[in-house]
Amino acid sequence: MRRGNVELIPGKNLGRYPYCNSVFIHEKPGIVIDAGSDEEKLLALKQDPGIGIIINTHYHEDHFLYNYLFPEAEFWVPEQDAPAFESLDTVMDFCGIIGLPDEKNWISYYLDQFNYRVRKAERKLKDGDQLQFGKTRVEVIHAPGHTPGHSGFWFPEEKVLFVADYDLTAFGPWYGDRVSSLEDTIASVEKLRKIPAEVYWVSHGEEIPREQAEGRFAEYLKVITVREEKLLAFLKTPHTLDEIVDQWIIYRKEREPVYFFRFAEQAMVKKHLENLRKRGLIKKEAVIGLHKEFFVRS
């Protein structure tokens, strides 16, 4: 999938986690956005035309999976996410993993399965930055929520928008890190929705033409509403956080490894609970003697 000098490099297994799609800008040397797609394809591009710059849209593991293969390339990342590339402790902090019983499993997960390497950015990207690579112009679109620095990339001449992890899948948005934001996610999706692209490239899945995009954006945001409705229905009677997590409102069923998916389920449910409390739709109650907190509709 190529338009002009810009090409979408499909990740293995259709770019499903633990892989992602990459964007390659055909210059000499070339530029890769999110080196998490396909090791063989990326190494072939390293040979010809060469890879001079690696850009990450954000700090998640499936997006930096093959960064380590290109130590000689310049490294560019969004400003807000740069600290996570400079320290594994910061990644653990951003994700909300520090102090968990499974913290050692998470550290091994990042180091052994995803090749995490400490790396300082030569350039920290900001919203609206205009990048010029030969004849190819790119605008950085800061789209936080998924992570604080998560960014899309707009190619105005090619009319291509790389929306990265706002991937318009049926699963819906993901906002499971400690530093993720449900509210910012909604605002960022609406921001990206307004950009007049002819084709949308996503981190996971196939490209989306303009005529399908409006419906996909609407359905993607609707998932958040459906999650909220299910949560409110369950909270007609009081329930603890653990009881809510047991409903698997986000992931729909228990998945393996349980420690990984239960962590994400709880983190995202807590974002919804916080949002609903701010809006006065639920309240939190403590039961004396049980040392437990319950959530219930107001």
Protein backbone atom coordinates (compact mmCIF):
# COMPACT_ATOMS: atom_id res chain seq x y z
CA MET A 1 0.00 0.00 0.00
CA ARG A 2 1.90 2.97 -1.29
CA ARG A 3 0.96 6.53 -2.13
CA GLY A 4 3.77 8.62 -3.56
CA ASN A 5 6.86 8.12 -1.41
CA VAL A 6 4.84 6.86 1.56
CA GLU A 7 4.15 3.17 2.13
CA LEU A 8 2.27 1.18 4.76
CA ILE A 9 4.29 -1.88 5.78
CA PRO A 10 1.79 -4.48 7.10
CA GLY A 11 2.72 -6.10 10.37
CA LYS A 12 2.69 -9.85 10.82
CA ASN A 13 -0.73 -11.40 11.42
CA LEU A 14 -2.43 -8.38 9.84
CA GLY A 15 -0.64 -6.13 12.32
CA ARG A 16 -2.36 -7.64 15.33
CA TYR A 17 -0.65 -7.38 18.71
CA PRO A 18 2.22 -8.08 19.45
CA TYR A 19 2.96 -6.52 16.04
CA CYS A 20 1.85 -3.29 14.42
CA ASN A 21 1.90 -1.75 10.97
CA SER A 22 4.82 0.51 10.06
CA VAL A 23 4.93 3.51 7.77
CA PHE A 24 7.97 3.83 5.52
CA ILE A 25 8.99 7.05 3.79
CA HIS A 26 11.00 6.23 0.67
CA GLU A 27 13.94 8.60 0.84
CA LYS A 28 17.69 7.94 0.94
CA PRO A 29 18.06 6.96 3.68
CA GLY A 30 14.46 6.05 4.54
CA ILE A 31 12.35 6.85 7.57
CA VAL A 32 10.33 4.30 9.57
CA ILE A 33 7.40 5.23 11.77
CA ASP A 34 6.83 2.46 14.35
CA ALA A 35 9.29 -0.37 13.71
CA GLY A 36 7.00 -3.12 14.94
CA SER A 37 5.78 -4.71 11.73
CA ASP A 38 7.94 -7.39 10.15
CA GLU A 39 11.58 -8.04 10.99
CA GLU A 40 12.54 -9.37 7.54
CA LYS A 41 10.90 -6.50 5.66
CA LEU A 42 12.47 -3.90 7.92
CA LEU A 43 15.93 -5.45 7.62
CA ALA A 44 15.55 -5.50 3.83
CA LEU A 45 14.77 -1.79 3.91
CA LYS A 46 17.80 -1.27 6.12
CA GLN A 47 19.92 -2.69 3.29
CA ASP A 48 18.24 -0.63 0.56
CA PRO A 49 17.55 2.28 0.66
CA GLY A 50 18.75 2.33 4.28
CA ILE A 51 17.01 3.63 7.39
CA GLY A 52 18.21 6.96 8.73
CA ILE A 53 15.46 7.81 11.22
CA ILE A 54 13.19 5.74 13.47
CA ILE A 55 10.08 7.55 14.73
CA ASN A 56 7.76 6.14 17.39
CA THR A 57 4.16 7.32 17.67
CA HIS A 58 4.23 6.44 21.39
CA TYR A 59 6.02 4.24 23.93
CA HIS A 60 4.02 0.99 23.73
CA GLU A 61 5.91 -2.25 23.27
CA ASP A 62 4.38 -3.43 19.99
CA HIS A 63 5.54 -0.17 18.39
CA PHE A 64 9.20 -0.32 19.48
CA LEU A 65 9.54 -4.09 18.98
CA TYR A 66 12.30 -3.85 16.34
CA ASN A 67 13.82 -0.49 17.25
CA TYR A 68 16.86 -2.31 18.61
CA LEU A 69 17.79 -3.47 15.09
CA PHE A 70 18.59 0.12 14.10
CA PRO A 71 20.98 1.55 16.73
CA GLU A 72 22.67 3.75 14.13
CA ALA A 73 19.44 5.52 13.09
CA GLU A 74 18.35 8.82 14.59
CA PHE A 75 15.53 8.38 17.07
CA TRP A 76 12.54 10.75 17.18
CA VAL A 77 9.58 10.46 19.58
CA PRO A 78 6.74 12.65 20.89
CA GLU A 79 7.97 14.93 23.64
CA GLN A 80 5.60 13.69 26.35
CA ASP A 81 6.53 10.02 25.83
CA ALA A 82 10.31 10.49 25.54
CA PRO A 83 11.00 9.71 29.24
CA ALA A 84 9.61 6.20 28.78
CA PHE A 85 12.31 5.41 26.23
CA GLU A 86 15.03 6.63 28.59
CA SER A 87 14.11 4.43 31.57
CA LEU A 88 12.30 1.13 32.00
CA ASP A 89 11.27 2.31 35.47
CA THR A 90 9.46 5.19 33.78
CA VAL A 91 7.63 2.77 31.49
CA MET A 92 6.53 0.79 34.54
CA ASP A 93 5.42 4.01 36.24
CA PHE A 94 3.53 5.28 33.19
CA CYS A 95 1.78 1.92 32.85
CA GLY A 96 0.95 1.73 36.55
CA ILE A 97 2.87 -1.49 37.14
CA ILE A 98 5.31 -0.45 39.89
CA GLY A 99 4.58 -2.35 43.09
CA LEU A 100 2.27 -4.94 41.55
CA PRO A 101 2.83 -8.60 42.49
CA ASP A 102 3.54 -9.35 38.82
CA GLU A 103 6.01 -6.49 38.34
CA LYS A 104 8.91 -8.87 37.62
CA ASN A 105 6.84 -10.60 34.94
CA TRP A 106 6.19 -7.25 33.29
CA ILE A 107 9.88 -6.31 33.34
CA SER A 108 10.77 -9.64 31.73
CA TYR A 109 7.97 -9.12 29.21
CA TYR A 110 9.44 -5.81 28.06
CA LEU A 111 13.08 -6.88 28.07
CA ASP A 112 12.85 -10.40 26.67
CA GLN A 113 9.82 -10.40 24.41
CA PHE A 114 9.89 -6.81 23.16
CA ASN A 115 13.60 -6.00 23.18
CA TYR A 116 13.30 -2.85 25.27
CA ARG A 117 16.49 -0.77 25.11
CA VAL A 118 17.18 2.53 26.83
CA ARG A 119 17.40 5.21 24.16
CA LYS A 120 17.52 8.98 24.14
CA ALA A 121 15.71 10.86 21.42
CA GLU A 122 17.64 13.10 19.06
CA ARG A 123 14.41 14.98 18.43
CA LYS A 124 11.28 15.35 20.55
CA LEU A 125 8.20 15.95 18.44
CA LYS A 126 5.46 18.45 19.21
CA ASP A 127 1.98 19.07 17.88
CA GLY A 128 2.08 20.86 14.56
CA ASP A 129 5.75 20.14 13.80
CA GLN A 130 6.34 20.23 10.05
CA LEU A 131 8.80 17.54 9.00
CA GLN A 132 10.40 17.62 5.56
CA PHE A 133 12.00 14.42 4.24
CA GLY A 134 13.17 15.10 0.69
CA LYS A 135 9.96 15.78 -1.24
CA THR A 136 7.76 14.34 1.51
CA ARG A 137 6.10 16.68 3.98
CA VAL A 138 4.65 15.39 7.24
CA GLU A 139 2.75 17.14 10.03
CA VAL A 140 2.80 15.80 13.59
CA ILE A 141 -0.70 15.56 15.08
CA HIS A 142 -0.53 15.26 18.86
CA ALA A 143 -3.41 12.97 19.85
CA PRO A 144 -3.08 12.11 23.56
CA GLY A 145 -5.24 9.80 25.60
CA HIS A 146 -3.91 6.42 24.57
CA THR A 147 -0.63 7.73 26.01
CA PRO A 148 0.27 11.34 26.88
CA GLY A 149 2.40 11.75 23.76
CA HIS A 150 0.56 9.53 21.29
CA SER A 151 0.72 11.19 17.88
CA GLY A 152 -0.63 10.70 14.39
CA PHE A 153 1.12 11.75 11.18
CA TRP A 154 -0.55 13.67 8.35
CA PHE A 155 0.84 13.53 4.82
CA PRO A 156 -1.00 16.44 3.11
CA GLU A 157 0.22 15.89 -0.46
CA GLU A 158 -0.58 12.18 -0.36
CA LYS A 159 -3.81 12.80 1.61
CA VAL A 160 -2.81 10.02 4.02
CA LEU A 161 -3.42 10.18 7.77
CA PHE A 162 -1.65 7.65 9.99
CA VAL A 163 -3.86 7.56 13.08
CA ALA A 164 -1.60 5.00 14.82
CA ASP A 165 -3.31 3.26 17.76
CA TYR A 166 -6.67 4.96 17.31
CA ASP A 167 -7.09 2.10 14.90
CA LEU A 168 -10.88 2.19 14.38
CA THR A 169 -11.26 -1.50 15.21
CA ALA A 170 -14.42 -3.11 16.59
CA PHE A 171 -12.68 -3.50 19.96
CA GLY A 172 -12.65 0.27 20.41
CA PRO A 173 -10.16 2.63 22.06
CA TRP A 174 -7.62 1.48 24.63
CA TYR A 175 -6.76 3.72 27.62
CA GLY A 176 -5.35 1.29 30.15
CA ASP A 177 -2.12 2.93 31.34
CA ARG A 178 -1.93 4.94 34.55
CA VAL A 179 -1.23 8.02 32.45
CA SER A 180 -3.89 7.29 29.83
CA SER A 181 -6.99 9.47 29.69
CA LEU A 182 -10.51 8.54 28.64
CA GLU A 183 -11.45 12.18 28.11
CA ASP A 184 -8.35 12.94 26.03
CA THR A 185 -8.96 9.81 23.96
CA ILE A 186 -12.40 11.05 22.92
CA ALA A 187 -11.07 14.52 22.11
CA SER A 188 -8.17 13.11 20.08
CA VAL A 189 -10.37 10.81 18.01
CA GLU A 190 -12.62 13.77 17.22
CA LYS A 191 -9.54 15.81 16.27
CA LEU A 192 -8.28 13.14 13.88
CA ARG A 193 -11.77 12.70 12.45
CA LYS A 194 -11.74 16.27 11.15
CA ILE A 195 -8.60 15.90 9.03
CA PRO A 196 -9.62 15.57 5.35
CA ALA A 197 -7.67 12.45 4.43
CA GLU A 198 -8.47 10.27 1.44
CA VAL A 199 -7.13 7.20 3.19
CA TYR A 200 -6.50 6.35 6.84
CA TRP A 201 -3.64 4.08 7.89
CA VAL A 202 -3.89 2.38 11.26
CA SER A 203 -1.47 0.51 13.50
CA HIS A 204 -3.56 -2.65 13.53
CA GLY A 205 -5.60 -3.68 10.51
CA GLU A 206 -5.94 -2.62 6.89
CA GLU A 207 -6.14 0.86 5.39
CA ILE A 208 -9.50 2.60 5.51
CA PRO A 209 -10.76 4.68 2.55
CA ARG A 210 -12.49 8.00 3.18
CA GLU A 211 -15.94 6.67 2.25
CA GLN A 212 -15.76 4.14 5.10
CA ALA A 213 -13.98 6.32 7.63
CA GLU A 214 -16.90 8.37 8.98
CA GLY A 215 -18.84 5.27 9.90
CA ARG A 216 -15.76 3.67 11.43
CA PHE A 217 -15.02 6.75 13.54
CA ALA A 218 -18.62 6.80 14.79
CA GLU A 219 -18.61 3.10 15.69
CA TYR A 220 -15.22 3.42 17.36
CA LEU A 221 -16.44 6.14 19.70
CA LYS A 222 -19.73 4.32 20.26
CA VAL A 223 -17.78 1.49 21.92
CA ILE A 224 -16.99 3.87 24.79
CA THR A 225 -20.70 4.62 25.22
CA VAL A 226 -21.58 0.92 25.17
CA ARG A 227 -18.97 0.18 27.85
CA GLU A 228 -20.42 2.96 29.97
CA GLU A 229 -23.99 1.70 29.53
CA LYS A 230 -23.01 -1.83 30.57
CA LEU A 231 -21.21 -0.48 33.63
CA LEU A 232 -24.18 1.65 34.69
CA ALA A 233 -26.55 -1.28 34.23
CA PHE A 234 -24.36 -3.47 36.47
CA LEU A 235 -24.20 -0.73 39.11
CA LYS A 236 -27.94 -0.67 39.70
CA THR A 237 -26.84 -2.61 42.78
CA PRO A 238 -23.60 -1.93 44.70
CA HIS A 239 -20.45 -3.75 43.60
CA THR A 240 -16.77 -3.69 44.48
CA LEU A 241 -14.08 -2.95 41.93
CA ASP A 242 -13.13 -6.64 41.78
CA GLU A 243 -16.73 -7.60 41.10
CA ILE A 244 -16.89 -5.06 38.29
CA VAL A 245 -13.66 -6.32 36.77
CA ASP A 246 -15.05 -9.87 36.87
CA GLN A 247 -17.71 -8.77 34.37
CA TRP A 248 -15.07 -8.22 31.64
CA ILE A 249 -16.96 -5.22 30.26
CA ILE A 250 -13.94 -4.11 28.22
CA TYR A 251 -12.50 -7.39 26.93
CA ARG A 252 -15.88 -9.23 26.98
CA LYS A 253 -14.34 -12.41 28.39
CA GLU A 254 -11.34 -13.57 30.42
CA ARG A 255 -8.19 -13.86 28.31
CA GLU A 256 -4.71 -15.29 28.72
CA PRO A 257 -2.37 -14.35 30.27
CA VAL A 258 -4.87 -13.37 32.93
CA TYR A 259 -2.45 -11.08 34.83
CA PHE A 260 -1.95 -9.01 31.65
CA PHE A 261 -5.60 -8.67 30.61
CA ARG A 262 -7.04 -8.33 34.10
CA PHE A 263 -4.62 -5.48 34.75
CA ALA A 264 -5.79 -3.68 31.57
CA GLU A 265 -9.46 -4.44 32.29
CA GLN A 266 -9.20 -2.94 35.78
CA ALA A 267 -7.26 0.10 34.61
CA MET A 268 -9.82 0.95 31.94
CA VAL A 269 -12.79 0.28 34.19
CA LYS A 270 -11.30 2.65 36.77
CA LYS A 271 -11.12 5.37 34.10
CA HIS A 272 -14.83 4.92 33.47
CA LEU A 273 -15.66 4.94 37.16
CA GLU A 274 -13.73 8.18 37.65
CA ASN A 275 -15.49 9.75 34.69
CA LEU A 276 -18.94 8.67 35.87
CA ARG A 277 -18.28 9.96 39.39
CA LYS A 278 -17.22 13.35 38.03
CA ARG A 279 -20.51 13.52 36.15
CA GLY A 280 -22.51 12.55 39.24
CA LEU A 281 -23.86 9.33 37.71
CA ILE A 282 -22.36 6.97 40.31
CA LYS A 283 -21.12 7.24 43.86
CA LYS A 284 -18.64 5.35 46.01
CA GLU A 285 -19.68 4.01 49.38
CA ALA A 286 -17.61 2.47 52.19
CA VAL A 287 -19.22 -0.21 54.33
CA ILE A 288 -18.09 0.01 57.95
CA GLY A 289 -16.62 -3.25 59.18
CA LEU A 290 -16.08 -4.77 55.73
CA HIS A 291 -13.17 -2.52 54.79
CA LYS A 292 -14.47 -2.46 51.22
CA GLU A 293 -15.60 0.22 48.83
CA PHE A 294 -18.68 -0.23 46.68
CA PHE A 295 -19.77 1.62 43.57
CA VAL A 296 -23.43 2.19 42.82
CA ARG A 297 -25.57 4.43 40.63
CA SER A 298 -26.50 7.75 42.18
